[in-house]
PDB file of N, CA and C in Angstrom:
ATOM      1  N   MET A   1      13.018  -5.284 -12.019  1.00  0.00           N
ATOM      2  CA  MET A   1      12.070  -4.269 -12.406  1.00  0.00           C
ATOM      3  C   MET A   1      10.656  -4.857 -12.453  1.00  0.00           C
ATOM      4  N   THR A   2      10.540  -6.024 -13.066  1.00  0.00           N
ATOM      5  CA  THR A   2       9.221  -6.644 -13.182  1.00  0.00           C
ATOM      6  C   THR A   2       8.678  -7.002 -11.809  1.00  0.00           C
ATOM      7  N   THR A   3       9.521  -7.522 -10.927  1.00  0.00           N
ATOM      8  CA  THR A   3       9.095  -7.903  -9.587  1.00  0.00           C
ATOM      9  C   THR A   3       8.586  -6.686  -8.825  1.00  0.00           C
ATOM     10  N   ARG A   4       9.219  -5.535  -9.001  1.00  0.00           N
ATOM     11  CA  ARG A   4       8.790  -4.323  -8.300  1.00  0.00           C
ATOM     12  C   ARG A   4       7.410  -3.870  -8.763  1.00  0.00           C
ATOM     13  N   PHE A   5       6.998  -4.272  -9.941  1.00  0.00           N
ATOM     14  CA  PHE A   5       5.668  -3.934 -10.436  1.00  0.00           C
ATOM     15  C   PHE A   5       4.655  -5.024 -10.095  1.00  0.00           C
ATOM     16  N   VAL A   6       5.065  -6.270 -10.208  1.00  0.00           N
ATOM     17  CA  VAL A   6       4.143  -7.391 -10.044  1.00  0.00           C
ATOM     18  C   VAL A   6       3.679  -7.528  -8.601  1.00  0.00           C
ATOM     19  N   ILE A   7       4.583  -7.450  -7.641  1.00  0.00           N
ATOM     20  CA  ILE A   7       4.225  -7.655  -6.235  1.00  0.00           C
ATOM     21  C   ILE A   7       3.195  -6.626  -5.763  1.00  0.00           C
ATOM     22  N   PRO A   8       3.410  -5.317  -5.962  1.00  0.00           N
ATOM     23  CA  PRO A   8       2.378  -4.361  -5.531  1.00  0.00           C
ATOM     24  C   PRO A   8       1.050  -4.542  -6.276  1.00  0.00           C
ATOM     25  N   THR A   9       1.117  -4.892  -7.548  1.00  0.00           N
ATOM     26  CA  THR A   9      -0.107  -5.105  -8.314  1.00  0.00           C
ATOM     27  C   THR A   9      -0.891  -6.287  -7.764  1.00  0.00           C
ATOM     28  N   ILE A  10      -0.191  -7.356  -7.430  1.00  0.00           N
ATOM     29  CA  ILE A  10      -0.856  -8.515  -6.836  1.00  0.00           C
ATOM     30  C   ILE A  10      -1.458  -8.141  -5.492  1.00  0.00           C
ATOM     31  N   ALA A  11      -0.743  -7.335  -4.715  1.00  0.00           N
ATOM     32  CA  ALA A  11      -1.256  -6.910  -3.413  1.00  0.00           C
ATOM     33  C   ALA A  11      -2.539  -6.092  -3.572  1.00  0.00           C
ATOM     34  N   VAL A  12      -2.569  -5.203  -4.535  1.00  0.00           N
ATOM     35  CA  VAL A  12      -3.765  -4.386  -4.772  1.00  0.00           C
ATOM     36  C   VAL A  12      -4.923  -5.258  -5.241  1.00  0.00           C
ATOM     37  N   LEU A  13      -4.651  -6.182  -6.141  1.00  0.00           N
ATOM     38  CA  LEU A  13      -5.714  -7.070  -6.612  1.00  0.00           C
ATOM     39  C   LEU A  13      -6.235  -7.958  -5.485  1.00  0.00           C
ATOM     40  N   ALA A  14      -5.336  -8.445  -4.650  1.00  0.00           N
ATOM     41  CA  ALA A  14      -5.760  -9.261  -3.512  1.00  0.00           C
ATOM     42  C   ALA A  14      -6.628  -8.439  -2.562  1.00  0.00           C
ATOM     43  N   CYS A  15      -6.251  -7.192  -2.350  1.00  0.00           N
ATOM     44  CA  CYS A  15      -7.040  -6.303  -1.499  1.00  0.00           C
ATOM     45  C   CYS A  15      -8.424  -6.088  -2.100  1.00  0.00           C
ATOM     46  N   ALA A  16      -8.488  -5.869  -3.384  1.00  0.00           N
ATOM     47  CA  ALA A  16      -9.774  -5.647  -4.042  1.00  0.00           C
ATOM     48  C   ALA A  16     -10.647  -6.894  -3.962  1.00  0.00           C
ATOM     49  N   VAL A  17     -10.048  -8.068  -4.153  1.00  0.00           N
ATOM     50  CA  VAL A  17     -10.799  -9.319  -4.051  1.00  0.00           C
ATOM     51  C   VAL A  17     -11.298  -9.523  -2.634  1.00  0.00           C
ATOM     52  N   PHE A  18     -10.452  -9.233  -1.663  1.00  0.00           N
ATOM     53  CA  PHE A  18     -10.840  -9.389  -0.258  1.00  0.00           C
ATOM     54  C   PHE A  18     -12.005  -8.470   0.084  1.00  0.00           C
ATOM     55  N   VAL A  19     -11.933  -7.224  -0.347  1.00  0.00           N
ATOM     56  CA  VAL A  19     -13.008  -6.274  -0.068  1.00  0.00           C
ATOM     57  C   VAL A  19     -14.295  -6.731  -0.745  1.00  0.00           C
ATOM     58  N   THR A  20     -14.198  -7.207  -1.964  1.00  0.00           N
ATOM     59  CA  THR A  20     -15.378  -7.686  -2.679  1.00  0.00           C
ATOM     60  C   THR A  20     -15.946  -8.935  -2.013  1.00  0.00           C
ATOM     61  N   ALA A  21     -15.087  -9.823  -1.565  1.00  0.00           N
ATOM     62  CA  ALA A  21     -15.532 -11.057  -0.925  1.00  0.00           C
ATOM     63  C   ALA A  21     -16.210 -10.787   0.413  1.00  0.00           C
ATOM     64  N   CYS A  22     -15.892  -9.690   1.045  1.00  0.00           N
ATOM     65  CA  CYS A  22     -16.495  -9.349   2.338  1.00  0.00           C
ATOM     66  C   CYS A  22     -17.874  -8.727   2.170  1.00  0.00           C
ATOM     67  N   GLU A  23     -18.394  -8.752   0.956  1.00  0.00           N
ATOM     68  CA  GLU A  23     -19.731  -8.261   0.647  1.00  0.00           C
ATOM     69  C   GLU A  23     -19.916  -6.781   0.974  1.00  0.00           C
ATOM     70  N   VAL A  24     -18.947  -5.990   0.658  1.00  0.00           N
ATOM     71  CA  VAL A  24     -19.080  -4.549   0.804  1.00  0.00           C
ATOM     72  C   VAL A  24     -20.052  -4.065  -0.265  1.00  0.00           C
ATOM     73  N   ALA A  25     -20.934  -3.160   0.105  1.00  0.00           N
ATOM     74  CA  ALA A  25     -21.982  -2.709  -0.803  1.00  0.00           C
ATOM     75  C   ALA A  25     -21.424  -2.101  -2.084  1.00  0.00           C
ATOM     76  N   SER A  26     -20.326  -1.403  -1.988  1.00  0.00           N
ATOM     77  CA  SER A  26     -19.762  -0.784  -3.182  1.00  0.00           C
ATOM     78  C   SER A  26     -18.294  -1.192  -3.334  1.00  0.00           C
ATOM     79  N   ALA A  27     -17.847  -1.206  -4.553  1.00  0.00           N
ATOM     80  CA  ALA A  27     -16.452  -1.520  -4.837  1.00  0.00           C
ATOM     81  C   ALA A  27     -15.577  -0.351  -4.398  1.00  0.00           C
ATOM     82  N   PRO A  28     -14.309  -0.600  -4.145  1.00  0.00           N
ATOM     83  CA  PRO A  28     -13.429   0.493  -3.747  1.00  0.00           C
ATOM     84  C   PRO A  28     -13.287   1.512  -4.879  1.00  0.00           C
ATOM     85  N   SER A  29     -13.142   2.755  -4.489  1.00  0.00           N
ATOM     86  CA  SER A  29     -13.007   3.815  -5.486  1.00  0.00           C
ATOM     87  C   SER A  29     -11.620   3.766  -6.126  1.00  0.00           C
ATOM     88  N   LYS A  30     -11.484   4.490  -7.231  1.00  0.00           N
ATOM     89  CA  LYS A  30     -10.181   4.558  -7.895  1.00  0.00           C
ATOM     90  C   LYS A  30      -9.146   5.195  -6.976  1.00  0.00           C
ATOM     91  N   ALA A  31      -9.568   6.177  -6.187  1.00  0.00           N
ATOM     92  CA  ALA A  31      -8.648   6.836  -5.256  1.00  0.00           C
ATOM     93  C   ALA A  31      -8.185   5.858  -4.180  1.00  0.00           C
ATOM     94  N   CYS A  32      -9.078   4.991  -3.729  1.00  0.00           N
ATOM     95  CA  CYS A  32      -8.727   3.991  -2.726  1.00  0.00           C
ATOM     96  C   CYS A  32      -7.711   3.002  -3.298  1.00  0.00           C
ATOM     97  N   ILE A  33      -7.967   2.531  -4.498  1.00  0.00           N
ATOM     98  CA  ILE A  33      -7.056   1.578  -5.131  1.00  0.00           C
ATOM     99  C   ILE A  33      -5.695   2.210  -5.357  1.00  0.00           C
ATOM    100  N   GLU A  34      -5.669   3.449  -5.789  1.00  0.00           N
ATOM    101  CA  GLU A  34      -4.395   4.153  -6.007  1.00  0.00           C
ATOM    102  C   GLU A  34      -3.641   4.332  -4.695  1.00  0.00           C
ATOM    103  N   ALA A  35      -4.346   4.704  -3.636  1.00  0.00           N
ATOM    104  CA  ALA A  35      -3.710   4.877  -2.330  1.00  0.00           C
ATOM    105  C   ALA A  35      -3.159   3.550  -1.820  1.00  0.00           C
ATOM    106  N   ALA A  36      -3.917   2.476  -2.009  1.00  0.00           N
ATOM    107  CA  ALA A  36      -3.447   1.151  -1.595  1.00  0.00           C
ATOM    108  C   ALA A  36      -2.232   0.725  -2.405  1.00  0.00           C
ATOM    109  N   ARG A  37      -2.230   1.044  -3.694  1.00  0.00           N
ATOM    110  CA  ARG A  37      -1.086   0.692  -4.549  1.00  0.00           C
ATOM    111  C   ARG A  37       0.164   1.438  -4.119  1.00  0.00           C
ATOM    112  N   LEU A  38       0.017   2.739  -3.864  1.00  0.00           N
ATOM    113  CA  LEU A  38       1.167   3.534  -3.433  1.00  0.00           C
ATOM    114  C   LEU A  38       1.716   3.040  -2.101  1.00  0.00           C
ATOM    115  N   TYR A  39       0.824   2.693  -1.179  1.00  0.00           N
ATOM    116  CA  TYR A  39       1.249   2.186   0.119  1.00  0.00           C
ATOM    117  C   TYR A  39       1.965   0.846  -0.035  1.00  0.00           C
ATOM    118  N   ALA A  40       1.420  -0.042  -0.892  1.00  0.00           N
ATOM    119  CA  ALA A  40       2.062  -1.337  -1.126  1.00  0.00           C
ATOM    120  C   ALA A  40       3.441  -1.171  -1.757  1.00  0.00           C
ATOM    121  N   GLU A  41       3.568  -0.248  -2.697  1.00  0.00           N
ATOM    122  CA  GLU A  41       4.866   0.007  -3.322  1.00  0.00           C
ATOM    123  C   GLU A  41       5.859   0.559  -2.309  1.00  0.00           C
ATOM    124  N   ALA A  42       5.405   1.434  -1.420  1.00  0.00           N
ATOM    125  CA  ALA A  42       6.295   1.994  -0.403  1.00  0.00           C
ATOM    126  C   ALA A  42       6.750   0.918   0.566  1.00  0.00           C
ATOM    127  N   LEU A  43       5.851   0.030   0.946  1.00  0.00           N
ATOM    128  CA  LEU A  43       6.237  -1.072   1.829  1.00  0.00           C
ATOM    129  C   LEU A  43       7.228  -2.001   1.139  1.00  0.00           C
ATOM    130  N   ASP A  44       7.014  -2.271  -0.146  1.00  0.00           N
ATOM    131  CA  ASP A  44       7.926  -3.121  -0.901  1.00  0.00           C
ATOM    132  C   ASP A  44       9.299  -2.471  -1.022  1.00  0.00           C
ATOM    133  N   ALA A  45       9.319  -1.174  -1.281  1.00  0.00           N
ATOM    134  CA  ALA A  45      10.598  -0.456  -1.386  1.00  0.00           C
ATOM    135  C   ALA A  45      11.328  -0.462  -0.048  1.00  0.00           C
ATOM    136  N   ASP A  46      10.581  -0.314   1.034  1.00  0.00           N
ATOM    137  CA  ASP A  46      11.203  -0.341   2.360  1.00  0.00           C
ATOM    138  C   ASP A  46      11.751  -1.728   2.663  1.00  0.00           C
ATOM    139  N   LYS A  47      11.002  -2.760   2.286  1.00  0.00           N
ATOM    140  CA  LYS A  47      11.430  -4.134   2.541  1.00  0.00           C
ATOM    141  C   LYS A  47      12.715  -4.461   1.788  1.00  0.00           C
ATOM    142  N   SER A  48      12.843  -3.962   0.574  1.00  0.00           N
ATOM    143  CA  SER A  48      14.010  -4.291  -0.246  1.00  0.00           C
ATOM    144  C   SER A  48      15.175  -3.317  -0.055  1.00  0.00           C
ATOM    145  N   SER A  49      15.018  -2.298   0.760  1.00  0.00           N
ATOM    146  CA  SER A  49      16.107  -1.345   0.980  1.00  0.00           C
ATOM    147  C   SER A  49      17.167  -1.969   1.888  1.00  0.00           C
ATOM    148  N   PRO A  50      18.408  -1.522   1.755  1.00  0.00           N
ATOM    149  CA  PRO A  50      19.480  -2.078   2.585  1.00  0.00           C
ATOM    150  C   PRO A  50      19.312  -1.692   4.056  1.00  0.00           C
ATOM    151  N   ASP A  51      19.928  -2.492   4.913  1.00  0.00           N
ATOM    152  CA  ASP A  51      19.885  -2.196   6.344  1.00  0.00           C
ATOM    153  C   ASP A  51      20.455  -0.802   6.600  1.00  0.00           C
ATOM    154  N   GLY A  52      19.860  -0.105   7.535  1.00  0.00           N
ATOM    155  CA  GLY A  52      20.272   1.258   7.838  1.00  0.00           C
ATOM    156  C   GLY A  52      19.480   2.295   7.073  1.00  0.00           C
ATOM    157  N   GLU A  53      18.795   1.865   6.023  1.00  0.00           N
ATOM    158  CA  GLU A  53      17.970   2.777   5.234  1.00  0.00           C
ATOM    159  C   GLU A  53      16.487   2.434   5.324  1.00  0.00           C
ATOM    160  N   LYS A  54      16.130   1.487   6.155  1.00  0.00           N
ATOM    161  CA  LYS A  54      14.740   1.092   6.323  1.00  0.00           C
ATOM    162  C   LYS A  54      13.998   2.144   7.141  1.00  0.00           C
ATOM    163  N   ALA A  55      12.679   2.086   7.096  1.00  0.00           N
ATOM    164  CA  ALA A  55      11.853   3.076   7.784  1.00  0.00           C
ATOM    165  C   ALA A  55      12.080   3.055   9.298  1.00  0.00           C
ATOM    166  N   ALA A  56      12.411   1.888   9.836  1.00  0.00           N
ATOM    167  CA  ALA A  56      12.654   1.799  11.278  1.00  0.00           C
ATOM    168  C   ALA A  56      13.879   2.614  11.684  1.00  0.00           C
ATOM    169  N   ASP A  57      14.817   2.793  10.769  1.00  0.00           N
ATOM    170  CA  ASP A  57      16.056   3.514  11.051  1.00  0.00           C
ATOM    171  C   ASP A  57      16.039   4.957  10.556  1.00  0.00           C
ATOM    172  N   ASN A  58      15.075   5.313   9.723  1.00  0.00           N
ATOM    173  CA  ASN A  58      15.064   6.616   9.071  1.00  0.00           C
ATOM    174  C   ASN A  58      13.726   7.313   9.368  1.00  0.00           C
ATOM    175  N   SER A  59      13.785   8.407  10.089  1.00  0.00           N
ATOM    176  CA  SER A  59      12.553   9.075  10.508  1.00  0.00           C
ATOM    177  C   SER A  59      11.769   9.655   9.325  1.00  0.00           C
ATOM    178  N   ILE A  60      12.459  10.117   8.296  1.00  0.00           N
ATOM    179  CA  ILE A  60      11.761  10.677   7.132  1.00  0.00           C
ATOM    180  C   ILE A  60      10.987   9.581   6.403  1.00  0.00           C
ATOM    181  N   ARG A  61      11.608   8.419   6.234  1.00  0.00           N
ATOM    182  CA  ARG A  61      10.913   7.297   5.597  1.00  0.00           C
ATOM    183  C   ARG A  61       9.749   6.826   6.444  1.00  0.00           C
ATOM    184  N   LYS A  62       9.934   6.818   7.761  1.00  0.00           N
ATOM    185  CA  LYS A  62       8.862   6.398   8.659  1.00  0.00           C
ATOM    186  C   LYS A  62       7.672   7.349   8.537  1.00  0.00           C
ATOM    187  N   GLN A  63       7.949   8.653   8.452  1.00  0.00           N
ATOM    188  CA  GLN A  63       6.884   9.642   8.306  1.00  0.00           C
ATOM    189  C   GLN A  63       6.173   9.485   6.958  1.00  0.00           C
ATOM    190  N   ALA A  64       6.936   9.212   5.910  1.00  0.00           N
ATOM    191  CA  ALA A  64       6.346   9.032   4.584  1.00  0.00           C
ATOM    192  C   ALA A  64       5.436   7.810   4.560  1.00  0.00           C
ATOM    193  N   LEU A  65       5.874   6.704   5.155  1.00  0.00           N
ATOM    194  CA  LEU A  65       5.039   5.510   5.223  1.00  0.00           C
ATOM    195  C   LEU A  65       3.771   5.770   6.038  1.00  0.00           C
ATOM    196  N   ALA A  66       3.917   6.498   7.139  1.00  0.00           N
ATOM    197  CA  ALA A  66       2.761   6.815   7.975  1.00  0.00           C
ATOM    198  C   ALA A  66       1.764   7.689   7.206  1.00  0.00           C
ATOM    199  N   ALA A  67       2.277   8.637   6.426  1.00  0.00           N
ATOM    200  CA  ALA A  67       1.397   9.512   5.636  1.00  0.00           C
ATOM    201  C   ALA A  67       0.650   8.714   4.567  1.00  0.00           C
ATOM    202  N   LEU A  68       1.346   7.785   3.908  1.00  0.00           N
ATOM    203  CA  LEU A  68       0.687   6.957   2.902  1.00  0.00           C
ATOM    204  C   LEU A  68      -0.354   6.038   3.537  1.00  0.00           C
ATOM    205  N   GLU A  69      -0.037   5.517   4.719  1.00  0.00           N
ATOM    206  CA  GLU A  69      -0.999   4.662   5.405  1.00  0.00           C
ATOM    207  C   GLU A  69      -2.239   5.457   5.826  1.00  0.00           C
ATOM    208  N   GLU A  70      -2.031   6.680   6.323  1.00  0.00           N
ATOM    209  CA  GLU A  70      -3.163   7.531   6.709  1.00  0.00           C
ATOM    210  C   GLU A  70      -4.036   7.855   5.499  1.00  0.00           C
ATOM    211  N   ARG A  71      -3.396   8.115   4.362  1.00  0.00           N
ATOM    212  CA  ARG A  71      -4.145   8.403   3.133  1.00  0.00           C
ATOM    213  C   ARG A  71      -4.971   7.202   2.722  1.00  0.00           C
ATOM    214  N   LYS A  72      -4.356   6.014   2.800  1.00  0.00           N
ATOM    215  CA  LYS A  72      -5.072   4.786   2.445  1.00  0.00           C
ATOM    216  C   LYS A  72      -6.252   4.566   3.394  1.00  0.00           C
ATOM    217  N   GLU A  73      -6.033   4.779   4.678  1.00  0.00           N
ATOM    218  CA  GLU A  73      -7.106   4.600   5.663  1.00  0.00           C
ATOM    219  C   GLU A  73      -8.245   5.598   5.435  1.00  0.00           C
ATOM    220  N   ALA A  74      -7.907   6.806   5.040  1.00  0.00           N
ATOM    221  CA  ALA A  74      -8.924   7.843   4.828  1.00  0.00           C
ATOM    222  C   ALA A  74      -9.753   7.572   3.570  1.00  0.00           C
ATOM    223  N   LEU A  75      -9.121   7.045   2.533  1.00  0.00           N
ATOM    224  CA  LEU A  75      -9.808   6.864   1.259  1.00  0.00           C
ATOM    225  C   LEU A  75     -10.515   5.514   1.120  1.00  0.00           C
ATOM    226  N   CYS A  76     -10.062   4.531   1.880  1.00  0.00           N
ATOM    227  CA  CYS A  76     -10.633   3.190   1.753  1.00  0.00           C
ATOM    228  C   CYS A  76     -11.620   2.934   2.898  1.00  0.00           C
ATOM    229  N   PRO A  77     -12.803   2.474   2.557  1.00  0.00           N
ATOM    230  CA  PRO A  77     -13.784   2.190   3.620  1.00  0.00           C
ATOM    231  C   PRO A  77     -13.342   1.005   4.449  1.00  0.00           C
ATOM    232  N   GLN A  78     -13.662   1.055   5.699  1.00  0.00           N
ATOM    233  CA  GLN A  78     -13.269  -0.037   6.601  1.00  0.00           C
ATOM    234  C   GLN A  78     -14.309  -1.048   6.628  1.00  0.00           C
TER     235      GLN A  78
END
């Protein structure tokens, strides 16, 4: 349970540090951080799912991951 929380949180913090280190004029918005967190959690859940239930094998999961990635791309500045 703790690992499922810690890994996505570290990923979000690393993303925020990376964006800040790249000298972006403004910090990421709360919506951007939330979208990145949700995407990281979905990737972690997909990684830890058993074979046959991964996004590569399941079209619904693949669509959900794609939707979360699109949301993250839309909300986070490049």
